[in-house]
Protein backbone atom coordinates (compact mmCIF):
# COMPACT_ATOMS: atom_id res chain seq x y z
CA UNK A 1 0.10 0.04 0.09
CA UNK A 2 1.46 3.40 -0.96
CA UNK A 3 1.77 6.12 1.93
CA UNK A 4 0.90 9.11 -0.15
CA UNK A 5 -2.07 10.10 -1.40
CA UNK A 6 -4.62 8.68 -3.96
CA UNK A 7 -4.92 12.44 -5.49
CA UNK A 8 -8.01 13.05 -8.38
CA UNK A 9 -8.42 16.43 -10.20
CA UNK A 10 -11.94 16.80 -11.03
CA UNK A 11 -15.23 15.92 -8.94
CA UNK A 12 -17.56 14.55 -11.12
CA UNK A 13 -18.23 11.16 -12.44
CA UNK A 14 -14.66 9.80 -13.08
CA UNK A 15 -13.04 11.22 -9.85
CA UNK A 16 -15.80 10.71 -7.38
CA UNK A 17 -16.44 7.02 -8.93
CA UNK A 18 -12.46 6.46 -8.28
CA UNK A 19 -12.56 7.79 -4.90
CA UNK A 20 -15.15 6.05 -3.57
CA UNK A 21 -14.04 2.81 -4.89
CA UNK A 22 -10.50 2.85 -3.78
CA UNK A 23 -11.70 4.61 -0.46
CA UNK A 24 -13.78 1.36 0.00
CA UNK A 25 -11.59 -1.10 -1.37
CA UNK A 26 -8.38 1.03 0.64
CA UNK A 27 -10.34 2.75 3.86
CA UNK A 28 -6.63 3.43 5.30
CA UNK A 29 -5.73 5.30 1.68
CA UNK A 30 -5.49 9.27 1.57
CA UNK A 31 -7.69 10.42 -0.86
CA UNK A 32 -8.09 13.77 -1.76
CA UNK A 33 -10.00 14.90 -4.67
CA UNK A 34 -9.57 18.62 -5.94
CA UNK A 35 -12.58 20.35 -7.88
CA UNK A 36 -12.28 23.73 -9.59
CA UNK A 37 -15.47 24.81 -8.94
CA UNK A 38 -18.26 24.25 -6.85
CA UNK A 39 -20.42 21.30 -8.32
CA UNK A 40 -19.64 18.19 -7.89
CA UNK A 41 -21.58 14.63 -9.18
CA UNK A 42 -24.22 15.79 -10.91
CA UNK A 43 -26.56 14.68 -14.17
CA UNK A 44 -24.92 16.76 -17.08
CA UNK A 45 -27.08 14.90 -19.36
CA UNK A 46 -30.28 16.17 -17.55
CA UNK A 47 -29.87 19.61 -17.82
CA UNK A 48 -31.92 20.19 -21.20
CA UNK A 49 -34.65 18.19 -19.42
CA UNK A 50 -34.33 21.22 -16.23
CA UNK A 51 -34.24 23.45 -19.07
CA UNK A 52 -37.26 22.64 -20.54
CA UNK A 53 -38.76 21.98 -17.26
CA UNK A 54 -39.18 18.13 -17.03
CA UNK A 55 -36.78 18.57 -13.97
CA UNK A 56 -38.73 20.52 -11.11
CA UNK A 57 -35.55 21.66 -9.58
CA UNK A 58 -31.62 21.80 -10.04
CA UNK A 59 -31.06 19.69 -6.82
CA UNK A 60 -32.64 16.74 -8.54
CA UNK A 61 -29.94 16.43 -11.04
CA UNK A 62 -27.25 16.37 -7.87
CA UNK A 63 -25.69 12.68 -7.01
CA UNK A 64 -23.60 13.29 -4.36
CA UNK A 65 -23.38 16.25 -1.82
CA UNK A 66 -20.36 17.46 -0.52
CA UNK A 67 -21.29 16.26 3.07
CA UNK A 68 -21.83 12.65 1.67
CA UNK A 69 -19.00 12.68 -0.43
CA UNK A 70 -17.25 13.03 2.87
CA UNK A 71 -19.30 10.80 4.95
CA UNK A 72 -16.68 8.10 2.94
CA UNK A 73 -13.99 9.29 3.83
CA UNK A 74 -12.82 11.34 0.96
CA UNK A 75 -11.26 14.57 1.43
CA UNK A 76 -13.03 16.58 -1.02
CA UNK A 77 -11.91 20.17 -1.59
CA UNK A 78 -14.11 22.29 -3.66
CA UNK A 79 -12.73 26.01 -5.10
CA UNK A 80 -8.93 23.93 -5.41
CA UNK A 81 -7.87 24.16 -9.04
CA UNK A 82 -4.95 22.11 -10.03
CA UNK A 83 -2.71 24.14 -12.51
CA UNK A 84 0.42 21.79 -13.42
CA UNK A 85 1.71 18.57 -12.85
CA UNK A 86 5.21 17.40 -11.88
CA UNK A 87 5.26 14.11 -12.91
CA UNK A 88 9.30 13.51 -11.46
CA UNK A 89 8.58 15.11 -8.23
CA UNK A 90 5.30 12.97 -8.48
CA UNK A 91 3.65 16.61 -7.17
CA UNK A 92 0.54 19.08 -8.32
CA UNK A 93 0.31 22.28 -8.15
CA UNK A 94 -2.78 23.78 -6.62
CA UNK A 95 -4.14 27.32 -6.75
CA UNK A 96 -6.97 28.14 -4.02
CA UNK A 97 -7.88 31.88 -4.07
CA UNK A 98 -4.81 33.95 -4.52
CA UNK A 99 -2.46 31.09 -2.70
CA UNK A 100 -1.19 28.00 -4.39
CA UNK A 101 0.69 24.72 -2.66
CA UNK A 102 2.16 21.66 -3.86
CA UNK A 103 0.69 18.55 -2.88
CA UNK A 104 2.26 15.57 -3.27
CA UNK A 105 0.67 12.20 -4.64
CA UNK A 106 1.29 8.12 -4.82
CA UNK A 107 -1.23 7.97 -7.41
CA UNK A 108 -3.07 10.75 -9.52
CA UNK A 109 -6.28 10.24 -11.59
CA UNK A 110 -6.97 12.97 -14.26
CA UNK A 111 -10.48 13.62 -14.45
CA UNK A 112 -10.76 17.24 -15.86
CA UNK A 113 -13.57 16.45 -18.09
CA UNK A 114 -14.04 18.91 -21.41
CA UNK A 115 -15.06 22.12 -22.12
CA UNK A 116 -17.53 23.41 -24.77
CA UNK A 117 -16.14 24.77 -28.12
CA UNK A 118 -17.21 27.72 -29.86
CA UNK A 119 -16.40 27.48 -33.11
CA UNK A 120 -15.89 30.72 -34.91
CA UNK A 121 -17.70 32.51 -32.49
CA UNK A 122 -17.00 34.79 -29.42
CA UNK A 123 -19.39 33.76 -27.06
CA UNK A 124 -18.62 36.52 -24.39
CA UNK A 125 -19.07 39.90 -26.24
CA UNK A 126 -23.60 39.38 -26.66
CA UNK A 127 -25.81 38.89 -24.46
CA UNK A 128 -28.29 35.80 -24.52
CA UNK A 129 -26.00 33.32 -26.74
CA UNK A 130 -24.82 30.26 -24.32
CA UNK A 131 -23.49 27.04 -24.12
CA UNK A 132 -24.92 24.06 -22.34
CA UNK A 133 -22.08 22.64 -20.22
CA UNK A 134 -22.73 22.99 -16.54
CA UNK A 135 -25.38 23.41 -14.14
CA UNK A 136 -24.41 27.12 -13.85
CA UNK A 137 -25.24 27.44 -17.56
CA UNK A 138 -28.79 25.63 -17.27
CA UNK A 139 -29.71 28.06 -14.34
CA UNK A 140 -28.09 31.07 -16.03
CA UNK A 141 -30.53 30.12 -19.05
CA UNK A 142 -33.66 29.44 -17.11
CA UNK A 143 -33.18 32.58 -15.84
CA UNK A 144 -33.08 34.27 -19.40
CA UNK A 145 -35.99 32.28 -20.48
CA UNK A 146 -37.99 32.90 -17.64
CA UNK A 147 -40.41 36.31 -17.51
CA UNK A 148 -38.66 38.78 -15.15
CA UNK A 149 -41.85 39.26 -13.33
CA UNK A 150 -42.39 35.59 -12.61
CA UNK A 151 -39.24 34.09 -11.98
CA UNK A 152 -39.04 31.17 -9.70
CA UNK A 153 -36.21 30.98 -7.50
CA UNK A 154 -37.35 27.97 -5.89
CA UNK A 155 -36.13 25.50 -8.82
CA UNK A 156 -32.31 26.34 -7.80
CA UNK A 157 -32.86 24.39 -5.01
CA UNK A 158 -30.07 24.38 -2.17
CA UNK A 159 -27.11 24.15 -4.39
CA UNK A 160 -24.31 26.68 -5.02
CA UNK A 161 -25.30 28.79 -7.70
CA UNK A 162 -23.68 31.28 -9.60
CA UNK A 163 -26.61 34.21 -8.46
CA UNK A 164 -24.57 36.97 -10.32
CA UNK A 165 -25.31 35.08 -13.32
CA UNK A 166 -29.20 34.44 -12.14
CA UNK A 167 -29.28 38.43 -11.42
CA UNK A 168 -28.22 39.05 -14.70
CA UNK A 169 -29.82 36.91 -16.82
CA UNK A 170 -33.32 37.10 -15.66
CA UNK A 171 -33.48 41.00 -16.15
CA UNK A 172 -33.63 40.19 -19.83
CA UNK A 173 -37.40 40.47 -21.22
CA UNK A 174 -38.67 36.51 -22.57
CA UNK A 175 -37.09 35.85 -25.80
CA UNK A 176 -39.84 34.86 -27.87
CA UNK A 177 -37.09 33.03 -30.52
CA UNK A 178 -33.84 30.90 -30.40
CA UNK A 179 -31.08 29.55 -32.98
CA UNK A 180 -29.23 26.53 -31.94
CA UNK A 181 -26.11 26.20 -33.74
CA UNK A 182 -25.15 22.38 -34.16
CA UNK A 183 -27.51 19.73 -34.53
CA UNK A 184 -25.78 16.94 -32.32
CA UNK A 185 -27.09 15.47 -29.02
CA UNK A 186 -27.12 18.92 -27.40
CA UNK A 187 -28.69 21.21 -30.22
CA UNK A 188 -31.48 18.32 -30.61
CA UNK A 189 -32.44 18.17 -26.87
CA UNK A 190 -32.09 21.74 -26.46
CA UNK A 191 -34.65 22.14 -29.53
CA UNK A 192 -37.55 19.79 -27.71
CA UNK A 193 -36.81 21.96 -24.23
CA UNK A 194 -37.28 25.42 -25.93
CA UNK A 195 -40.13 24.20 -28.00
CA UNK A 196 -41.47 23.28 -24.72
CA UNK A 197 -40.87 26.76 -23.25
CA UNK A 198 -43.10 28.18 -26.01
CA UNK A 199 -40.24 29.72 -28.07
CA UNK A 200 -40.13 29.34 -32.07
CA UNK A 201 -36.94 27.33 -32.79
CA UNK A 202 -34.39 27.47 -35.63
CA UNK A 203 -31.84 24.52 -35.77
CA UNK A 204 -29.00 24.98 -38.07
CA UNK A 205 -26.94 21.79 -38.93
CA UNK A 206 -23.48 22.72 -41.42
CA UNK A 207 -23.60 19.01 -42.80
CA UNK A 208 -26.31 17.60 -44.89
CA UNK A 209 -27.95 16.02 -42.17
CA UNK A 210 -28.50 16.33 -38.27
CA UNK A 211 -26.81 13.68 -35.78
CA UNK A 212 -24.37 12.65 -37.54
CA UNK A 213 -23.37 9.88 -35.68
CA UNK A 214 -26.37 8.46 -35.81
CA UNK A 215 -26.77 8.07 -39.68
CA UNK A 216 -28.53 9.18 -42.48
CA UNK A 217 -31.69 7.15 -41.88
CA UNK A 218 -32.29 7.89 -38.49
CA UNK A 219 -31.77 11.18 -39.29
CA UNK A 220 -34.44 10.75 -42.40
CA UNK A 221 -36.70 9.82 -39.51
CA UNK A 222 -36.10 12.35 -36.80
CA UNK A 223 -35.55 15.62 -39.65
CA UNK A 224 -39.07 15.76 -40.71
CA UNK A 225 -40.42 14.73 -37.05
CA UNK A 226 -38.75 18.12 -35.21
CA UNK A 227 -40.35 20.14 -38.38
CA UNK A 228 -43.56 18.73 -37.33
CA UNK A 229 -43.41 19.79 -33.91
CA UNK A 230 -42.61 23.29 -35.08
CA UNK A 231 -38.51 23.38 -35.09
CA UNK A 232 -37.27 24.97 -38.04
CA UNK A 233 -34.30 22.52 -39.22
CA UNK A 234 -31.76 24.09 -41.56
CA UNK A 235 -29.06 21.59 -43.07
CA UNK A 236 -26.10 22.33 -44.95
CA UNK A 237 -26.29 25.74 -43.27
CA UNK A 238 -23.19 26.76 -41.57
CA UNK A 239 -24.19 29.93 -39.79
CA UNK A 240 -21.43 32.64 -40.30
CA UNK A 241 -22.19 35.35 -37.38
CA UNK A 242 -23.72 36.23 -34.37
CA UNK A 243 -25.80 39.59 -34.44
CA UNK A 244 -26.20 41.93 -31.84
CA UNK A 245 -28.69 45.02 -31.41
CA UNK A 246 -27.42 48.12 -29.81
CA UNK A 247 -27.86 47.34 -26.23
CA UNK A 248 -25.56 44.10 -26.47
CA UNK A 249 -28.20 41.50 -26.92
CA UNK A 250 -28.02 38.79 -29.58
CA UNK A 251 -30.55 39.50 -32.46
CA UNK A 252 -29.87 37.18 -34.65
CA UNK A 253 -27.72 34.69 -36.82
CA UNK A 254 -26.67 35.29 -39.95
CA UNK A 255 -26.13 32.35 -42.78
CA UNK A 256 -24.42 32.46 -46.15
CA UNK A 257 -28.02 33.37 -47.38
CA UNK A 258 -29.94 35.54 -44.84
CA UNK A 259 -30.21 36.87 -41.11
CA UNK A 260 -32.72 35.11 -39.22
CA UNK A 261 -33.96 36.76 -36.06
CA UNK A 262 -33.02 35.28 -32.36
CA UNK A 263 -33.12 36.48 -29.13
CA UNK A 264 -31.34 33.22 -27.72
CA UNK A 265 -28.46 31.43 -29.48
CA UNK A 266 -27.48 28.20 -27.99
CA UNK A 267 -24.42 26.90 -29.30
CA UNK A 268 -23.66 22.96 -29.66
CA UNK A 269 -20.95 22.53 -31.61
CA UNK A 270 -18.84 20.27 -29.62
CA UNK A 271 -16.42 19.93 -26.60
CA UNK A 272 -12.65 19.48 -26.35
CA UNK A 273 -10.86 17.45 -23.38
CA UNK A 274 -9.56 19.70 -20.54
CA UNK A 275 -5.82 19.16 -20.51
CA UNK A 276 -3.81 22.08 -20.04
CA UNK A 277 -2.76 21.23 -16.31
CA UNK A 278 -0.28 18.62 -18.59
CA UNK A 279 1.03 20.99 -21.07
CA UNK A 280 4.12 21.44 -19.71
CA UNK A 281 4.66 17.27 -19.43
CA UNK A 282 5.69 14.72 -21.81
CA UNK A 283 2.00 13.11 -21.44
CA UNK A 284 0.90 11.06 -24.27
CA UNK A 285 -2.21 12.39 -26.43
CA UNK A 286 -4.12 10.77 -28.64
CA UNK A 287 -7.54 10.43 -30.53
CA UNK A 288 -9.68 14.05 -29.91
CA UNK A 289 -6.49 15.66 -28.42
CA UNK A 290 -7.15 13.77 -25.52
CA UNK A 291 -5.23 11.53 -22.76
CA UNK A 292 -3.96 8.61 -24.09
CA UNK A 293 -4.42 5.56 -21.99
CA UNK A 294 -3.98 1.97 -21.10
CA UNK A 295 -6.51 -0.85 -20.50
CA UNK A 296 -6.35 0.10 -17.36
CA UNK A 297 -6.21 3.71 -17.42
CA UNK A 298 -2.74 4.38 -16.66
CA UNK A 299 -1.37 7.63 -19.04
CA UNK A 300 1.94 7.26 -20.35
CA UNK A 301 3.50 8.78 -17.40
CA UNK A 302 4.26 6.91 -13.98
CA UNK A 303 1.51 6.68 -11.65
CA UNK A 304 -0.80 8.96 -13.49
CA UNK A 305 -4.18 7.90 -14.45
CA UNK A 306 -6.76 9.47 -16.72
CA UNK A 307 -10.57 8.74 -16.64
CA UNK A 308 -13.61 10.40 -18.79
CA UNK A 309 -14.09 12.95 -21.21
CA UNK A 310 -10.68 14.36 -20.85
CA UNK A 311 -9.87 10.40 -21.85
CA UNK A 312 -9.17 7.74 -24.76
CA UNK A 313 -10.71 4.24 -24.67
CA UNK A 314 -10.34 1.13 -27.07
CA UNK A 315 -13.23 0.82 -29.25
CA UNK A 316 -14.74 -2.78 -29.03
CA UNK A 317 -14.84 -2.85 -32.68
CA UNK A 318 -11.91 -1.71 -34.10
CA UNK A 319 -9.39 -2.67 -31.25
CA UNK A 320 -7.96 0.88 -31.89
CA UNK A 321 -7.87 4.04 -29.71
CA UNK A 322 -11.22 6.38 -29.63
CA UNK A 323 -12.14 9.27 -27.98
CA UNK A 324 -16.22 9.20 -27.44
CA UNK A 325 -17.26 11.21 -24.34
CA UNK A 326 -20.20 9.60 -22.91
CA UNK A 327 -21.65 9.30 -18.84
CA UNK A 328 -21.11 5.35 -18.02
CA UNK A 329 -17.64 5.60 -19.26
CA UNK A 330 -16.76 7.66 -17.47
CA UNK A 331 -18.20 6.33 -14.32
CA UNK A 332 -17.15 2.48 -15.36
CA UNK A 333 -13.26 3.82 -16.24
CA UNK A 334 -13.28 5.59 -12.76
CA UNK A 335 -14.55 2.54 -10.63
CA UNK A 336 -12.05 0.74 -12.60
CA UNK A 337 -9.22 2.90 -11.83
CA UNK A 338 -9.85 3.09 -8.05
CA UNK A 339 -9.79 -0.62 -8.01
CA UNK A 340 -6.52 -0.94 -9.36
CA UNK A 341 -4.92 2.09 -7.35
CA UNK A 342 -6.79 0.51 -3.88
CA UNK A 343 -4.14 -2.94 -5.43
CA UNK A 344 -6.39 -5.28 -7.77
CA UNK A 345 -5.90 -4.25 -11.54
CA UNK A 346 -8.95 -4.05 -13.32
CA UNK A 347 -9.62 -3.08 -16.68
CA UNK A 348 -11.84 0.17 -17.37
CA UNK A 349 -13.31 -2.11 -20.72
CA UNK A 350 -13.76 -0.96 -24.25
CA UNK A 351 -16.42 0.87 -25.39
CA UNK A 352 -18.84 1.15 -28.73
CA UNK A 353 -19.97 4.49 -28.57
CA UNK A 354 -23.52 3.17 -27.63
CA UNK A 355 -25.65 6.23 -26.91
CA UNK A 356 -29.27 6.88 -27.36
CA UNK A 357 -31.10 10.00 -27.45
CA UNK A 358 -35.11 11.53 -27.59
CA UNK A 359 -36.10 14.04 -29.49
CA UNK A 360 -39.96 14.47 -28.93
CA UNK A 361 -41.84 11.42 -29.49
CA UNK A 362 -38.93 9.08 -30.87
CA UNK A 363 -36.31 7.76 -29.48
CA UNK A 364 -32.96 7.43 -31.16
CA UNK A 365 -29.87 4.50 -30.43
CA UNK A 366 -26.99 4.14 -32.08
CA UNK A 367 -23.95 1.72 -30.86
CA UNK A 368 -20.62 0.70 -33.35
CA UNK A 369 -19.70 1.73 -36.72
CA UNK A 370 -22.18 3.13 -38.66
CA UNK A 371 -20.55 5.34 -41.26
CA UNK A 372 -19.18 3.09 -44.03
CA UNK A 373 -16.20 5.24 -45.07
CA UNK A 374 -15.33 5.14 -41.14
CA UNK A 375 -15.95 1.51 -41.65
CA UNK A 376 -13.18 1.62 -44.90
CA UNK A 377 -10.90 3.53 -43.39
CA UNK A 378 -10.63 0.61 -40.63
CA UNK A 379 -9.90 -2.05 -42.81
CA UNK A 380 -13.44 -3.68 -42.95
CA UNK A 381 -15.09 -3.76 -46.55
CA UNK A 382 -19.32 -2.88 -45.33
CA UNK A 383 -22.61 -3.65 -46.28
CA UNK A 384 -25.73 -2.35 -44.56
CA UNK A 385 -29.40 -2.98 -44.70
CA UNK A 386 -32.41 -0.81 -43.10
CA UNK A 387 -35.89 -1.76 -42.54
CA UNK A 388 -38.72 -0.81 -40.63
CA UNK A 389 -41.27 -3.29 -38.28
CA UNK A 390 -43.49 -3.02 -35.95
CA UNK A 391 -42.27 -2.18 -32.34
CA UNK A 392 -45.52 -4.83 -31.32
CA UNK A 393 -47.82 -7.40 -32.64
CA UNK A 394 -49.67 -5.53 -35.29
CA UNK A 395 -53.12 -6.20 -33.21
CA UNK A 396 -51.64 -4.89 -30.29
CA UNK A 397 -52.35 -1.03 -29.18
CA UNK A 398 -49.06 0.73 -29.11
CA UNK A 399 -47.75 -0.59 -32.45
CA UNK A 400 -45.38 2.09 -34.01
CA UNK A 401 -42.82 1.80 -37.11
CA UNK A 402 -39.17 0.71 -35.87
CA UNK A 403 -36.69 1.68 -38.02
CA UNK A 404 -33.05 -0.18 -37.76
CA UNK A 405 -30.11 0.08 -39.31
CA UNK A 406 -27.54 -2.44 -39.26
CA UNK A 407 -23.72 -2.19 -40.73
CA UNK A 408 -21.49 -5.93 -41.03
CA UNK A 409 -18.11 -6.42 -42.73
CA UNK A 410 -18.52 -8.52 -46.06
CA UNK A 411 -15.78 -10.91 -45.32
CA UNK A 412 -15.69 -12.03 -42.64
CA UNK A 413 -20.16 -11.38 -41.94
CA UNK A 414 -19.12 -9.78 -38.37
CA UNK A 415 -21.42 -6.96 -36.65
CA UNK A 416 -19.99 -3.45 -36.81
CA UNK A 417 -22.26 -1.21 -35.89
CA UNK A 418 -26.24 -0.32 -35.88
CA UNK A 419 -28.77 2.67 -35.27
CA UNK A 420 -32.29 2.34 -34.50
CA UNK A 421 -35.07 5.02 -34.46
CA UNK A 422 -39.06 4.83 -33.23
CA UNK A 423 -41.70 6.02 -30.66
CA UNK A 424 -41.99 2.68 -28.82
CA UNK A 425 -39.27 1.40 -26.53
CA UNK A 426 -36.77 2.03 -29.44
CA UNK A 427 -33.51 3.08 -27.62
CA UNK A 428 -33.50 0.33 -25.49
CA UNK A 429 -33.40 -2.34 -28.10
CA UNK A 430 -30.29 -0.64 -29.00
CA UNK A 431 -28.62 -2.69 -26.24
CA UNK A 432 -29.03 -6.02 -27.85
CA UNK A 433 -26.80 -4.44 -31.05
CA UNK A 434 -24.15 -2.86 -28.54
CA UNK A 435 -24.52 -6.58 -26.73
CA UNK A 436 -23.52 -8.62 -29.90
CA UNK A 437 -20.64 -6.08 -31.08
CA UNK A 438 -18.95 -6.70 -27.40
CA UNK A 439 -19.34 -10.47 -28.50
CA UNK A 440 -17.73 -10.27 -31.58
CA UNK A 441 -21.02 -11.71 -33.18
CA UNK A 442 -21.89 -12.20 -37.01
CA UNK A 443 -24.90 -11.05 -38.62
CA UNK A 444 -26.07 -15.09 -38.56
CA UNK A 445 -25.50 -15.33 -34.86
CA UNK A 446 -28.04 -12.03 -34.38
CA UNK A 447 -30.21 -13.35 -36.57
CA UNK A 448 -30.40 -16.65 -34.51
CA UNK A 449 -31.12 -14.58 -31.31
CA UNK A 450 -33.81 -16.08 -29.02
CA UNK A 451 -35.03 -12.26 -28.39
CA UNK A 452 -38.69 -12.35 -25.91
CA UNK A 453 -42.09 -12.21 -27.75
CA UNK A 454 -45.20 -11.72 -26.37
CA UNK A 455 -47.69 -8.93 -28.50
CA UNK A 456 -47.34 -5.95 -25.99
CA UNK A 457 -43.73 -5.78 -26.07
CA UNK A 458 -42.39 -7.04 -29.48
CA UNK A 459 -43.78 -8.79 -32.48
CA UNK A 460 -42.38 -12.35 -33.12
CA UNK A 461 -39.80 -11.09 -35.00
CA UNK A 462 -38.09 -8.44 -33.52
CA UNK A 463 -37.32 -5.56 -35.74
CA UNK A 464 -33.27 -6.22 -34.92
CA UNK A 465 -34.00 -9.64 -36.09
CA UNK A 466 -36.01 -8.52 -39.14
CA UNK A 467 -32.69 -6.34 -39.92
CA UNK A 468 -30.20 -9.04 -39.18
CA UNK A 469 -32.32 -11.57 -41.71
CA UNK A 470 -32.39 -8.69 -44.47
CA UNK A 471 -28.96 -7.97 -43.92
CA UNK A 472 -27.73 -12.06 -44.01
CA UNK A 473 -29.79 -12.06 -47.23
CA UNK A 474 -27.84 -9.33 -48.85
CA UNK A 475 -24.76 -11.25 -47.91
């Protein structure tokens, strides 16, 4: 057992999972968590649902309170920013208010997550322009959306909300038109949230389809559905400039062909790993500018680990390095690293990039490799099939169309990936495909899966089985 502390940078999914697991396995080990801000252990994926009014209070998004963390024996220090790492001395430099100090470590976990990127825009010059990243951003957007005379502060709950942001953003008259730049996960979820808040919503995507990770077949179903709900979907339409009024408030967005009015702009064009604190080290950087890690979460520097949105993973289909920042990946890797640090070497596991998304009445899911060019770049010879089948027996109430795309390698018949969309429990079906990927199953194997059947739940031939049968026929 090391006599030096296990130091963790970042108090969210990966960091606190590692801290909790290590402390449970090795109770006498000092475990210190440095968190740059006030918030810890919250559900980032729940932010659009708070803004849309589905979640009543910001407090509902919190998994662990600081008190609960300390009750586990973890030394949690909020508002402590780690600004540098010295691998040779095995210390980190920590800044707290106006002072800095050196903290020794025996093992170090970098769990600093990622930050939103702004593309070509300077987001600091206009009021009413936001990214959706962090509790305070969600609270600020909610305040900005609300009628200044009717704003309900009780929705903020008991957490350490940035009150200055709330005071500033609640002073504005409620916006009536919103522009969302970026048609990915955040863009689609925020389109639904803002429609629920009564806004006229424009969604801009620079490429030919929204939701690029889900593939064209899914986008072809989702785009008309968004339009039917009142969202103005603009594909092949990059936003070139944000327009402001004389008071410094955003008033619209400009494209190559027109300027569209908007008193609220959400920028959701991607994220970038937070690796600045390691800029003076020789740590190896990999896919997506994330920290390169091995199967145990170890970096290229001795006794230093990385997990979550700041770290790479191994893709279960290609066996190669990838960067797919998702919640389960962070929690699972953190827990495994905590176990390893405590003395039992544990793999962080491979990933398939499995993700689900709600778009009004539709549920979308994806896993593995869907894009054929991507598959070819990894040495595969891809072929795909897309089918639409019922979600239940045709005579049973609630049956609805479910579209499934499966992709496989023509030479080995190995399943490479899949995507799904529908309104009746479509998302959860993606787990069947993800399981098949991690088991290296072929299309024939999937076609032979013994999936459950009963009229209220599925037709005799589940949509995934239908897709496998059609793809197998093409082979």
